[in-house]
């Protein structure tokens, strides 16, 4: 039976973008399946007292350099957006709606690239619609779906589940009850899935 990776992410998170470019290939190497779960990182920060790295000048300065290095390491495009931070509610709902229409991963990756590499603003309906059209979805229909109660509730439920399970940032990954936080934990996640490491439960 294959393992499941629950991938909690926010389009507004730099490291969510970087991890998203790698997670599907990682899962294939491990014979695992990824469940993409967009959530609202701002609500997680509120619940845990955490802050985004850019809120601290020294940490923010490091973040910009670090993200560029990771992008080069992964061989993926990256350009820090002029609009930051992003109100990601519409974008996150759109990713959930796209998943309901069978193109969740494809749409999510296109949306992340649009924001983190092309400087587009996915908080704007016309941008979301254009991204949907680019992956073969009906843009108007996708936008309409973002206003459906079930889609709104799914985003709230993902956010609440992340908080209840101990998440404090993004990206956060779960394999069963084991949590891995951050793009830089992907190697540990892969080793865990391959049975190369166990988890030391001692504090």
N, C-alpha and C. Protein backbone atom coordinates (compact mmCIF):
# COMPACT_ATOMS: atom_id res chain seq x y z
N UNK A 1 0.84 -1.20 0.00
CA UNK A 1 0.00 0.00 0.00
C UNK A 1 0.88 1.25 0.00
N UNK A 2 0.62 2.15 -0.93
CA UNK A 2 1.47 3.35 -1.04
C UNK A 2 1.19 4.32 0.09
N UNK A 3 2.21 5.07 0.44
CA UNK A 3 2.08 6.10 1.45
C UNK A 3 1.44 7.36 0.86
N UNK A 4 0.84 8.15 1.72
CA UNK A 4 0.24 9.42 1.32
C UNK A 4 1.00 10.56 1.97
N UNK A 5 1.36 11.55 1.16
CA UNK A 5 1.96 12.79 1.66
C UNK A 5 0.88 13.85 1.64
N UNK A 6 0.54 14.38 2.79
CA UNK A 6 -0.38 15.52 2.85
C UNK A 6 0.46 16.80 2.80
N UNK A 7 0.23 17.59 1.79
CA UNK A 7 1.05 18.76 1.50
C UNK A 7 0.22 20.01 1.77
N UNK A 8 0.46 20.62 2.94
CA UNK A 8 -0.23 21.86 3.30
C UNK A 8 0.62 23.04 2.83
N UNK A 9 0.02 23.92 2.04
CA UNK A 9 0.78 24.98 1.40
C UNK A 9 -0.10 26.19 1.19
N UNK A 10 0.55 27.32 0.96
CA UNK A 10 -0.15 28.58 0.69
C UNK A 10 0.53 29.24 -0.50
N UNK A 11 -0.24 29.68 -1.50
CA UNK A 11 0.37 30.34 -2.66
C UNK A 11 1.23 31.55 -2.31
N UNK A 12 0.97 32.15 -1.15
CA UNK A 12 1.72 33.33 -0.73
C UNK A 12 3.06 32.98 -0.10
N UNK A 13 3.33 31.70 0.08
CA UNK A 13 4.55 31.25 0.77
C UNK A 13 5.65 30.94 -0.23
N UNK A 14 6.78 31.63 -0.07
CA UNK A 14 7.93 31.42 -0.94
C UNK A 14 8.36 29.95 -0.97
N UNK A 15 8.48 29.38 0.21
CA UNK A 15 8.98 28.01 0.30
C UNK A 15 7.94 26.98 -0.13
N UNK A 16 6.66 27.36 -0.08
CA UNK A 16 5.63 26.48 -0.65
C UNK A 16 5.84 26.35 -2.15
N UNK A 17 6.13 27.47 -2.81
CA UNK A 17 6.40 27.42 -4.25
C UNK A 17 7.57 26.50 -4.55
N UNK A 18 8.66 26.69 -3.84
CA UNK A 18 9.85 25.88 -4.09
C UNK A 18 9.58 24.40 -3.85
N UNK A 19 8.93 24.08 -2.75
CA UNK A 19 8.62 22.69 -2.46
C UNK A 19 7.65 22.10 -3.48
N UNK A 20 6.71 22.90 -3.93
CA UNK A 20 5.72 22.41 -4.89
C UNK A 20 6.35 21.97 -6.19
N UNK A 21 7.48 22.58 -6.56
CA UNK A 21 8.15 22.19 -7.80
C UNK A 21 8.83 20.83 -7.68
N UNK A 22 8.96 20.32 -6.47
CA UNK A 22 9.71 19.09 -6.23
C UNK A 22 8.87 17.93 -5.71
N UNK A 23 7.73 18.21 -5.08
CA UNK A 23 7.05 17.20 -4.29
C UNK A 23 6.50 16.04 -5.11
N UNK A 24 6.02 16.29 -6.32
CA UNK A 24 5.47 15.20 -7.12
C UNK A 24 6.57 14.22 -7.55
N UNK A 25 7.73 14.74 -7.95
CA UNK A 25 8.84 13.86 -8.33
C UNK A 25 9.32 13.06 -7.13
N UNK A 26 9.38 13.70 -5.97
CA UNK A 26 9.76 13.00 -4.74
C UNK A 26 8.80 11.85 -4.47
N UNK A 27 7.51 12.13 -4.59
CA UNK A 27 6.50 11.10 -4.33
C UNK A 27 6.66 9.92 -5.29
N UNK A 28 6.93 10.21 -6.55
CA UNK A 28 7.11 9.12 -7.52
C UNK A 28 8.31 8.25 -7.16
N UNK A 29 9.38 8.88 -6.71
CA UNK A 29 10.57 8.11 -6.32
C UNK A 29 10.28 7.20 -5.14
N UNK A 30 9.32 7.58 -4.32
CA UNK A 30 9.02 6.84 -3.10
C UNK A 30 7.78 5.96 -3.24
N UNK A 31 7.15 5.97 -4.40
CA UNK A 31 5.91 5.21 -4.56
C UNK A 31 4.79 5.75 -3.70
N UNK A 32 4.78 7.06 -3.51
CA UNK A 32 3.79 7.71 -2.65
C UNK A 32 2.84 8.57 -3.49
N UNK A 33 1.79 9.03 -2.86
CA UNK A 33 0.79 9.89 -3.48
C UNK A 33 0.71 11.19 -2.70
N UNK A 34 0.59 12.31 -3.42
CA UNK A 34 0.52 13.61 -2.77
C UNK A 34 -0.92 14.11 -2.74
N UNK A 35 -1.37 14.51 -1.57
CA UNK A 35 -2.65 15.20 -1.44
C UNK A 35 -2.35 16.68 -1.19
N UNK A 36 -2.61 17.50 -2.20
CA UNK A 36 -2.35 18.93 -2.08
C UNK A 36 -3.46 19.58 -1.26
N UNK A 37 -3.07 20.29 -0.20
CA UNK A 37 -4.06 20.89 0.70
C UNK A 37 -3.73 22.37 0.93
N UNK A 38 -4.19 23.24 0.03
CA UNK A 38 -3.99 24.67 0.26
C UNK A 38 -4.65 25.10 1.57
N UNK A 39 -3.98 25.98 2.29
CA UNK A 39 -4.53 26.51 3.54
C UNK A 39 -4.09 27.95 3.68
N UNK A 40 -4.65 28.62 4.68
CA UNK A 40 -4.37 30.04 4.87
C UNK A 40 -3.28 30.21 5.93
N UNK A 41 -2.09 30.50 5.47
CA UNK A 41 -0.94 30.60 6.36
C UNK A 41 -1.12 31.72 7.38
N UNK A 42 -1.75 32.81 6.97
CA UNK A 42 -1.97 33.91 7.91
C UNK A 42 -2.77 33.48 9.13
N UNK A 43 -3.77 32.63 8.92
CA UNK A 43 -4.57 32.12 10.04
C UNK A 43 -3.75 31.21 10.94
N UNK A 44 -2.85 30.45 10.33
CA UNK A 44 -1.95 29.59 11.12
C UNK A 44 -1.01 30.45 11.96
N UNK A 45 -0.49 31.51 11.35
CA UNK A 45 0.36 32.42 12.11
C UNK A 45 -0.40 33.02 13.30
N UNK A 46 -1.63 33.44 13.05
CA UNK A 46 -2.44 34.02 14.13
C UNK A 46 -2.64 33.03 15.27
N UNK A 47 -2.91 31.78 14.91
CA UNK A 47 -3.20 30.76 15.91
C UNK A 47 -1.98 30.36 16.72
N UNK A 48 -0.80 30.46 16.11
CA UNK A 48 0.42 29.97 16.76
C UNK A 48 1.33 31.07 17.27
N UNK A 49 1.04 32.33 16.92
CA UNK A 49 1.92 33.42 17.31
C UNK A 49 3.15 33.54 16.46
N UNK A 50 3.19 32.82 15.36
CA UNK A 50 4.33 32.88 14.45
C UNK A 50 4.20 34.10 13.55
N UNK A 51 5.29 34.45 12.86
CA UNK A 51 5.28 35.57 11.92
C UNK A 51 5.97 35.14 10.63
N UNK A 52 5.60 35.76 9.52
CA UNK A 52 6.28 35.45 8.28
C UNK A 52 7.72 35.97 8.36
N UNK A 53 8.67 35.27 7.73
CA UNK A 53 10.08 35.67 7.82
C UNK A 53 10.32 37.11 7.39
N UNK A 54 9.59 37.58 6.38
CA UNK A 54 9.82 38.94 5.88
C UNK A 54 9.44 40.01 6.89
N UNK A 55 8.71 39.63 7.94
CA UNK A 55 8.33 40.60 8.97
C UNK A 55 9.52 41.00 9.84
N UNK A 56 10.58 40.21 9.80
CA UNK A 56 11.80 40.51 10.54
C UNK A 56 12.87 40.91 9.53
N UNK A 57 13.34 42.16 9.55
CA UNK A 57 14.23 42.66 8.49
C UNK A 57 15.42 41.76 8.19
N UNK A 58 16.13 41.31 9.22
CA UNK A 58 17.31 40.48 8.98
C UNK A 58 16.93 39.14 8.35
N UNK A 59 15.84 38.56 8.85
CA UNK A 59 15.39 37.28 8.32
C UNK A 59 14.85 37.45 6.90
N UNK A 60 14.16 38.56 6.67
CA UNK A 60 13.64 38.83 5.34
C UNK A 60 14.74 38.99 4.32
N UNK A 61 15.80 39.67 4.69
CA UNK A 61 16.93 39.85 3.79
C UNK A 61 17.54 38.52 3.43
N UNK A 62 17.65 37.65 4.43
CA UNK A 62 18.20 36.31 4.19
C UNK A 62 17.26 35.51 3.30
N UNK A 63 15.96 35.62 3.53
CA UNK A 63 14.97 34.88 2.76
C UNK A 63 15.12 35.13 1.26
N UNK A 64 15.32 36.38 0.88
CA UNK A 64 15.42 36.72 -0.54
C UNK A 64 16.61 35.99 -1.18
N UNK A 65 17.75 36.00 -0.50
CA UNK A 65 18.93 35.32 -1.04
C UNK A 65 18.74 33.81 -1.03
N UNK A 66 18.19 33.31 0.05
CA UNK A 66 18.01 31.87 0.21
C UNK A 66 17.08 31.31 -0.86
N UNK A 67 15.99 32.00 -1.12
CA UNK A 67 15.04 31.54 -2.12
C UNK A 67 15.67 31.49 -3.50
N UNK A 68 16.48 32.49 -3.82
CA UNK A 68 17.15 32.48 -5.12
C UNK A 68 18.11 31.30 -5.24
N UNK A 69 18.81 30.99 -4.14
CA UNK A 69 19.73 29.85 -4.18
C UNK A 69 18.98 28.54 -4.35
N UNK A 70 17.87 28.38 -3.64
CA UNK A 70 17.08 27.16 -3.78
C UNK A 70 16.55 27.02 -5.21
N UNK A 71 16.09 28.12 -5.78
CA UNK A 71 15.56 28.07 -7.15
C UNK A 71 16.66 27.63 -8.13
N UNK A 72 17.87 28.14 -7.95
CA UNK A 72 18.98 27.73 -8.80
C UNK A 72 19.31 26.26 -8.58
N UNK A 73 19.27 25.83 -7.34
CA UNK A 73 19.56 24.44 -7.00
C UNK A 73 18.56 23.50 -7.65
N UNK A 74 17.28 23.89 -7.63
CA UNK A 74 16.24 23.07 -8.23
C UNK A 74 16.14 23.25 -9.75
N UNK A 75 16.72 24.33 -10.27
CA UNK A 75 16.60 24.62 -11.68
C UNK A 75 15.22 25.09 -12.08
N UNK A 76 14.61 25.91 -11.21
CA UNK A 76 13.27 26.42 -11.49
C UNK A 76 13.31 27.94 -11.54
N UNK A 77 12.40 28.57 -12.29
CA UNK A 77 12.40 30.04 -12.37
C UNK A 77 11.94 30.66 -11.06
N UNK A 78 12.49 31.82 -10.76
CA UNK A 78 12.10 32.53 -9.54
C UNK A 78 12.40 34.01 -9.70
N UNK A 79 11.42 34.81 -9.34
CA UNK A 79 11.60 36.26 -9.28
C UNK A 79 10.72 36.76 -8.16
N UNK A 80 11.32 37.40 -7.16
CA UNK A 80 10.52 37.80 -6.01
C UNK A 80 9.47 38.81 -6.46
N UNK A 81 8.20 38.56 -6.15
CA UNK A 81 7.12 39.41 -6.67
C UNK A 81 7.13 40.80 -6.05
N UNK A 82 6.71 41.77 -6.85
CA UNK A 82 6.58 43.13 -6.34
C UNK A 82 5.44 43.23 -5.34
N UNK A 83 4.39 42.46 -5.59
CA UNK A 83 3.25 42.43 -4.67
C UNK A 83 3.50 41.36 -3.62
N UNK A 84 3.87 41.78 -2.43
CA UNK A 84 4.15 40.84 -1.35
C UNK A 84 3.93 41.53 -0.01
N UNK A 85 3.21 40.91 0.93
CA UNK A 85 2.60 39.58 0.83
C UNK A 85 1.33 39.59 -0.03
N UNK A 86 0.94 38.41 -0.42
CA UNK A 86 -0.22 38.22 -1.28
C UNK A 86 -1.43 37.82 -0.46
N UNK A 87 -2.59 38.41 -0.77
CA UNK A 87 -3.85 37.91 -0.22
C UNK A 87 -4.20 36.66 -1.03
N UNK A 88 -4.05 35.51 -0.42
CA UNK A 88 -4.12 34.26 -1.17
C UNK A 88 -5.46 33.54 -1.08
N UNK A 89 -6.48 34.20 -0.55
CA UNK A 89 -7.77 33.52 -0.38
C UNK A 89 -8.33 33.05 -1.72
N UNK A 90 -8.43 33.95 -2.69
CA UNK A 90 -8.99 33.58 -3.99
C UNK A 90 -8.12 32.52 -4.66
N UNK A 91 -6.82 32.69 -4.64
CA UNK A 91 -5.92 31.73 -5.27
C UNK A 91 -6.06 30.34 -4.64
N UNK A 92 -6.15 30.29 -3.32
CA UNK A 92 -6.27 29.00 -2.64
C UNK A 92 -7.59 28.33 -2.96
N UNK A 93 -8.66 29.11 -2.96
CA UNK A 93 -9.96 28.54 -3.33
C UNK A 93 -9.94 28.04 -4.77
N UNK A 94 -9.27 28.79 -5.64
CA UNK A 94 -9.20 28.38 -7.05
C UNK A 94 -8.46 27.05 -7.19
N UNK A 95 -7.43 26.85 -6.40
CA UNK A 95 -6.69 25.59 -6.45
C UNK A 95 -7.57 24.43 -6.01
N UNK A 96 -8.38 24.65 -5.01
CA UNK A 96 -9.31 23.61 -4.56
C UNK A 96 -10.37 23.34 -5.62
N UNK A 97 -10.88 24.40 -6.23
CA UNK A 97 -11.89 24.23 -7.27
C UNK A 97 -11.30 23.50 -8.48
N UNK A 98 -10.06 23.81 -8.82
CA UNK A 98 -9.40 23.13 -9.94
C UNK A 98 -9.21 21.65 -9.64
N UNK A 99 -8.91 21.34 -8.38
CA UNK A 99 -8.78 19.93 -7.99
C UNK A 99 -10.11 19.20 -8.19
N UNK A 100 -11.20 19.85 -7.84
CA UNK A 100 -12.52 19.26 -8.03
C UNK A 100 -12.80 18.99 -9.51
N UNK A 101 -12.16 19.78 -10.37
CA UNK A 101 -12.36 19.64 -11.82
C UNK A 101 -11.27 18.79 -12.47
N UNK A 102 -10.44 18.13 -11.65
CA UNK A 102 -9.47 17.17 -12.15
C UNK A 102 -8.13 17.72 -12.57
N UNK A 103 -7.87 19.01 -12.27
CA UNK A 103 -6.59 19.59 -12.67
C UNK A 103 -5.95 20.38 -11.54
N UNK A 104 -6.05 19.83 -10.35
CA UNK A 104 -5.54 20.55 -9.19
C UNK A 104 -4.05 20.80 -9.22
N UNK A 105 -3.27 19.77 -9.50
CA UNK A 105 -1.81 19.92 -9.48
C UNK A 105 -1.37 20.83 -10.62
N UNK A 106 -1.89 20.58 -11.82
CA UNK A 106 -1.50 21.37 -12.98
C UNK A 106 -1.84 22.85 -12.78
N UNK A 107 -3.03 23.12 -12.29
CA UNK A 107 -3.42 24.51 -12.06
C UNK A 107 -2.59 25.13 -10.94
N UNK A 108 -2.39 24.40 -9.86
CA UNK A 108 -1.65 24.95 -8.72
C UNK A 108 -0.23 25.32 -9.12
N UNK A 109 0.43 24.44 -9.88
CA UNK A 109 1.79 24.73 -10.32
C UNK A 109 1.82 25.93 -11.26
N UNK A 110 0.81 26.05 -12.12
CA UNK A 110 0.75 27.19 -13.04
C UNK A 110 0.53 28.48 -12.27
N UNK A 111 -0.32 28.42 -11.25
CA UNK A 111 -0.59 29.62 -10.45
C UNK A 111 0.66 30.03 -9.67
N UNK A 112 1.33 29.07 -9.07
CA UNK A 112 2.55 29.38 -8.32
C UNK A 112 3.62 29.99 -9.23
N UNK A 113 3.77 29.42 -10.41
CA UNK A 113 4.75 29.97 -11.35
C UNK A 113 4.37 31.39 -11.77
N UNK A 114 3.09 31.61 -11.99
CA UNK A 114 2.63 32.94 -12.40
C UNK A 114 3.01 33.99 -11.37
N UNK A 115 2.88 33.63 -10.09
CA UNK A 115 3.18 34.59 -9.03
C UNK A 115 4.68 34.67 -8.73
N UNK A 116 5.33 33.51 -8.56
CA UNK A 116 6.70 33.48 -8.07
C UNK A 116 7.76 33.57 -9.16
N UNK A 117 7.37 33.48 -10.42
CA UNK A 117 8.35 33.57 -11.49
C UNK A 117 8.00 34.63 -12.53
N UNK A 118 6.70 34.96 -12.64
CA UNK A 118 6.27 35.87 -13.71
C UNK A 118 5.70 37.18 -13.20
N UNK A 119 5.58 37.33 -11.89
CA UNK A 119 5.14 38.59 -11.32
C UNK A 119 3.67 38.90 -11.49
N UNK A 120 2.85 37.89 -11.79
CA UNK A 120 1.42 38.11 -11.91
C UNK A 120 0.77 38.15 -10.54
N UNK A 121 -0.44 38.67 -10.48
CA UNK A 121 -1.15 38.84 -9.21
C UNK A 121 -2.37 37.92 -9.15
N UNK A 122 -2.23 36.73 -8.55
CA UNK A 122 -3.35 35.79 -8.51
C UNK A 122 -4.41 36.11 -7.47
N UNK A 123 -4.34 37.31 -6.89
CA UNK A 123 -5.47 37.75 -6.07
C UNK A 123 -6.53 38.43 -6.94
N UNK A 124 -6.22 38.60 -8.23
CA UNK A 124 -7.13 39.25 -9.16
C UNK A 124 -7.88 38.20 -9.99
N UNK A 125 -9.20 38.32 -10.06
CA UNK A 125 -9.99 37.31 -10.77
C UNK A 125 -9.56 37.09 -12.22
N UNK A 126 -9.21 38.16 -12.91
CA UNK A 126 -8.85 37.99 -14.32
C UNK A 126 -7.56 37.19 -14.48
N UNK A 127 -6.66 37.30 -13.52
CA UNK A 127 -5.42 36.53 -13.56
C UNK A 127 -5.72 35.06 -13.31
N UNK A 128 -6.54 34.79 -12.30
CA UNK A 128 -6.92 33.41 -12.00
C UNK A 128 -7.63 32.78 -13.20
N UNK A 129 -8.51 33.54 -13.82
CA UNK A 129 -9.23 33.03 -14.99
C UNK A 129 -8.27 32.68 -16.12
N UNK A 130 -7.29 33.55 -16.36
CA UNK A 130 -6.33 33.30 -17.44
C UNK A 130 -5.48 32.07 -17.14
N UNK A 131 -5.08 31.90 -15.89
CA UNK A 131 -4.31 30.71 -15.53
C UNK A 131 -5.15 29.46 -15.75
N UNK A 132 -6.41 29.51 -15.36
CA UNK A 132 -7.30 28.37 -15.59
C UNK A 132 -7.38 28.02 -17.07
N UNK A 133 -7.56 29.04 -17.90
CA UNK A 133 -7.65 28.81 -19.34
C UNK A 133 -6.36 28.19 -19.87
N UNK A 134 -5.23 28.58 -19.30
CA UNK A 134 -3.93 28.09 -19.79
C UNK A 134 -3.74 26.59 -19.55
N UNK A 135 -4.49 26.03 -18.59
CA UNK A 135 -4.37 24.59 -18.32
C UNK A 135 -5.62 23.83 -18.79
N UNK A 136 -6.42 24.49 -19.61
CA UNK A 136 -7.56 23.81 -20.21
C UNK A 136 -8.84 23.83 -19.42
N UNK A 137 -8.93 24.71 -18.42
CA UNK A 137 -10.16 24.85 -17.65
C UNK A 137 -10.94 26.06 -18.12
N UNK A 138 -12.21 26.08 -17.81
CA UNK A 138 -13.07 27.23 -18.11
C UNK A 138 -12.85 28.27 -17.01
N UNK A 139 -12.26 29.40 -17.38
CA UNK A 139 -11.91 30.41 -16.38
C UNK A 139 -13.11 30.95 -15.63
N UNK A 140 -14.17 31.26 -16.35
CA UNK A 140 -15.36 31.81 -15.70
C UNK A 140 -15.98 30.79 -14.75
N UNK A 141 -16.01 29.54 -15.18
CA UNK A 141 -16.59 28.49 -14.34
C UNK A 141 -15.75 28.27 -13.08
N UNK A 142 -14.43 28.34 -13.23
CA UNK A 142 -13.56 28.17 -12.07
C UNK A 142 -13.77 29.31 -11.07
N UNK A 143 -13.85 30.53 -11.57
CA UNK A 143 -14.10 31.66 -10.68
C UNK A 143 -15.43 31.51 -9.95
N UNK A 144 -16.44 31.06 -10.66
CA UNK A 144 -17.74 30.85 -10.02
C UNK A 144 -17.63 29.80 -8.92
N UNK A 145 -16.84 28.75 -9.18
CA UNK A 145 -16.68 27.68 -8.20
C UNK A 145 -16.00 28.17 -6.93
N UNK A 146 -15.15 29.19 -7.03
CA UNK A 146 -14.47 29.70 -5.83
C UNK A 146 -15.43 30.31 -4.83
N UNK A 147 -16.65 30.61 -5.27
CA UNK A 147 -17.64 31.20 -4.39
C UNK A 147 -18.62 30.17 -3.84
N UNK A 148 -18.42 28.91 -4.22
CA UNK A 148 -19.30 27.85 -3.73
C UNK A 148 -19.01 27.58 -2.25
N UNK A 149 -20.05 27.39 -1.44
CA UNK A 149 -19.84 27.12 -0.02
C UNK A 149 -18.92 25.92 0.25
N UNK A 150 -19.00 24.88 -0.58
CA UNK A 150 -18.18 23.69 -0.34
C UNK A 150 -16.69 24.00 -0.51
N UNK A 151 -16.36 24.86 -1.47
CA UNK A 151 -14.96 25.23 -1.69
C UNK A 151 -14.45 26.11 -0.55
N UNK A 152 -15.29 27.06 -0.13
CA UNK A 152 -14.90 27.92 0.99
C UNK A 152 -14.70 27.08 2.25
N UNK A 153 -15.58 26.13 2.48
CA UNK A 153 -15.48 25.29 3.66
C UNK A 153 -14.25 24.39 3.59
N UNK A 154 -13.90 23.91 2.41
CA UNK A 154 -12.70 23.06 2.27
C UNK A 154 -11.45 23.83 2.67
N UNK A 155 -11.36 25.10 2.29
CA UNK A 155 -10.20 25.91 2.66
C UNK A 155 -10.16 26.14 4.16
N UNK A 156 -11.33 26.43 4.75
CA UNK A 156 -11.38 26.60 6.20
C UNK A 156 -10.99 25.30 6.91
N UNK A 157 -11.48 24.19 6.39
CA UNK A 157 -11.20 22.90 7.03
C UNK A 157 -9.72 22.54 6.94
N UNK A 158 -9.10 22.81 5.79
CA UNK A 158 -7.65 22.55 5.66
C UNK A 158 -6.87 23.37 6.66
N UNK A 159 -7.25 24.64 6.79
CA UNK A 159 -6.55 25.54 7.71
C UNK A 159 -6.69 25.08 9.15
N UNK A 160 -7.91 24.74 9.53
CA UNK A 160 -8.15 24.29 10.89
C UNK A 160 -7.45 22.97 11.17
N UNK A 161 -7.45 22.07 10.19
CA UNK A 161 -6.78 20.78 10.38
C UNK A 161 -5.28 20.98 10.58
N UNK A 162 -4.69 21.89 9.82
CA UNK A 162 -3.26 22.16 9.97
C UNK A 162 -2.95 22.69 11.37
N UNK A 163 -3.77 23.60 11.85
CA UNK A 163 -3.57 24.17 13.18
C UNK A 163 -3.69 23.08 14.24
N UNK A 164 -4.74 22.26 14.13
CA UNK A 164 -4.99 21.23 15.12
C UNK A 164 -3.89 20.18 15.15
N UNK A 165 -3.24 19.98 14.00
CA UNK A 165 -2.21 18.94 13.92
C UNK A 165 -0.81 19.47 14.23
N UNK A 166 -0.72 20.76 14.56
CA UNK A 166 0.55 21.31 15.02
C UNK A 166 1.34 22.11 14.02
N UNK A 167 0.76 22.41 12.86
CA UNK A 167 1.48 23.21 11.86
C UNK A 167 1.67 24.63 12.37
N UNK A 168 2.78 25.23 12.00
CA UNK A 168 3.06 26.62 12.38
C UNK A 168 3.63 27.42 11.21
N UNK A 169 3.78 26.79 10.05
CA UNK A 169 4.32 27.47 8.89
C UNK A 169 4.03 26.67 7.64
N UNK A 170 4.59 27.14 6.54
CA UNK A 170 4.37 26.47 5.25
C UNK A 170 5.67 26.42 4.46
N UNK A 171 5.88 25.34 3.74
CA UNK A 171 4.99 24.18 3.61
C UNK A 171 5.12 23.23 4.80
N UNK A 172 4.04 22.52 5.08
CA UNK A 172 4.06 21.48 6.10
C UNK A 172 3.58 20.19 5.45
N UNK A 173 4.30 19.11 5.72
CA UNK A 173 3.97 17.80 5.16
C UNK A 173 3.67 16.82 6.28
N UNK A 174 2.70 15.96 6.03
CA UNK A 174 2.41 14.88 6.98
C UNK A 174 2.45 13.55 6.24
N UNK A 175 3.09 12.57 6.84
CA UNK A 175 2.97 11.18 6.45
C UNK A 175 2.41 10.48 7.68
N UNK A 176 1.15 10.06 7.59
CA UNK A 176 0.42 9.61 8.77
C UNK A 176 0.44 10.76 9.79
N UNK A 177 0.99 10.54 10.97
CA UNK A 177 1.03 11.60 11.99
C UNK A 177 2.39 12.27 12.09
N UNK A 178 3.32 11.89 11.23
CA UNK A 178 4.66 12.47 11.29
C UNK A 178 4.71 13.76 10.46
N UNK A 179 5.11 14.85 11.09
CA UNK A 179 5.15 16.15 10.43
C UNK A 179 6.56 16.50 9.99
N UNK A 180 6.65 17.09 8.80
CA UNK A 180 7.90 17.66 8.29
C UNK A 180 7.58 19.09 7.87
N UNK A 181 8.38 20.03 8.33
CA UNK A 181 8.11 21.44 8.02
C UNK A 181 9.24 22.02 7.19
N UNK A 182 8.87 22.64 6.09
CA UNK A 182 9.82 23.41 5.32
C UNK A 182 10.33 22.73 4.07
N UNK A 183 10.59 23.53 3.07
CA UNK A 183 11.19 23.06 1.83
C UNK A 183 12.51 22.33 2.08
N UNK A 184 13.25 22.77 3.08
CA UNK A 184 14.55 22.17 3.35
C UNK A 184 14.46 20.85 4.11
N UNK A 185 13.24 20.36 4.35
CA UNK A 185 13.06 19.05 4.98
C UNK A 185 12.69 17.98 3.96
N UNK A 186 12.71 18.32 2.68
CA UNK A 186 12.31 17.34 1.68
C UNK A 186 13.22 16.12 1.66
N UNK A 187 14.50 16.30 1.89
CA UNK A 187 15.41 15.15 1.93
C UNK A 187 15.07 14.22 3.08
N UNK A 188 14.73 14.80 4.23
CA UNK A 188 14.33 13.98 5.38
C UNK A 188 13.02 13.26 5.09
N UNK A 189 12.09 13.96 4.47
CA UNK A 189 10.81 13.36 4.11
C UNK A 189 11.03 12.16 3.19
N UNK A 190 11.88 12.33 2.20
CA UNK A 190 12.15 11.24 1.26
C UNK A 190 12.82 10.06 1.97
N UNK A 191 13.78 10.34 2.81
CA UNK A 191 14.46 9.27 3.54
C UNK A 191 13.48 8.51 4.45
N UNK A 192 12.57 9.24 5.05
CA UNK A 192 11.57 8.63 5.91
C UNK A 192 10.65 7.71 5.10
N UNK A 193 10.20 8.20 3.96
CA UNK A 193 9.31 7.40 3.12
C UNK A 193 9.99 6.13 2.61
N UNK A 194 11.30 6.21 2.39
CA UNK A 194 12.05 5.05 1.89
C UNK A 194 12.49 4.12 3.01
N UNK A 195 12.14 4.48 4.26
CA UNK A 195 12.50 3.63 5.39
C UNK A 195 13.95 3.73 5.78
N UNK A 196 14.64 4.77 5.33
CA UNK A 196 16.06 4.92 5.63
C UNK A 196 16.30 5.53 7.00
N UNK A 197 15.30 6.23 7.51
CA UNK A 197 15.38 6.79 8.86
C UNK A 197 14.07 6.56 9.58
N UNK A 198 14.16 6.40 10.88
CA UNK A 198 12.97 6.37 11.72
C UNK A 198 12.88 7.70 12.45
N UNK A 199 11.92 7.77 13.32
CA UNK A 199 11.72 8.99 14.10
C UNK A 199 12.02 8.72 15.55
N UNK A 200 12.90 9.51 16.11
CA UNK A 200 13.25 9.42 17.53
C UNK A 200 12.19 10.18 18.31
N UNK A 201 11.44 9.47 19.11
CA UNK A 201 10.35 10.09 19.86
C UNK A 201 10.82 10.79 21.13
N UNK A 202 12.08 10.66 21.47
CA UNK A 202 12.58 11.31 22.70
C UNK A 202 12.61 12.82 22.50
N UNK A 203 12.25 13.59 23.52
CA UNK A 203 12.29 15.06 23.41
C UNK A 203 13.72 15.56 23.34
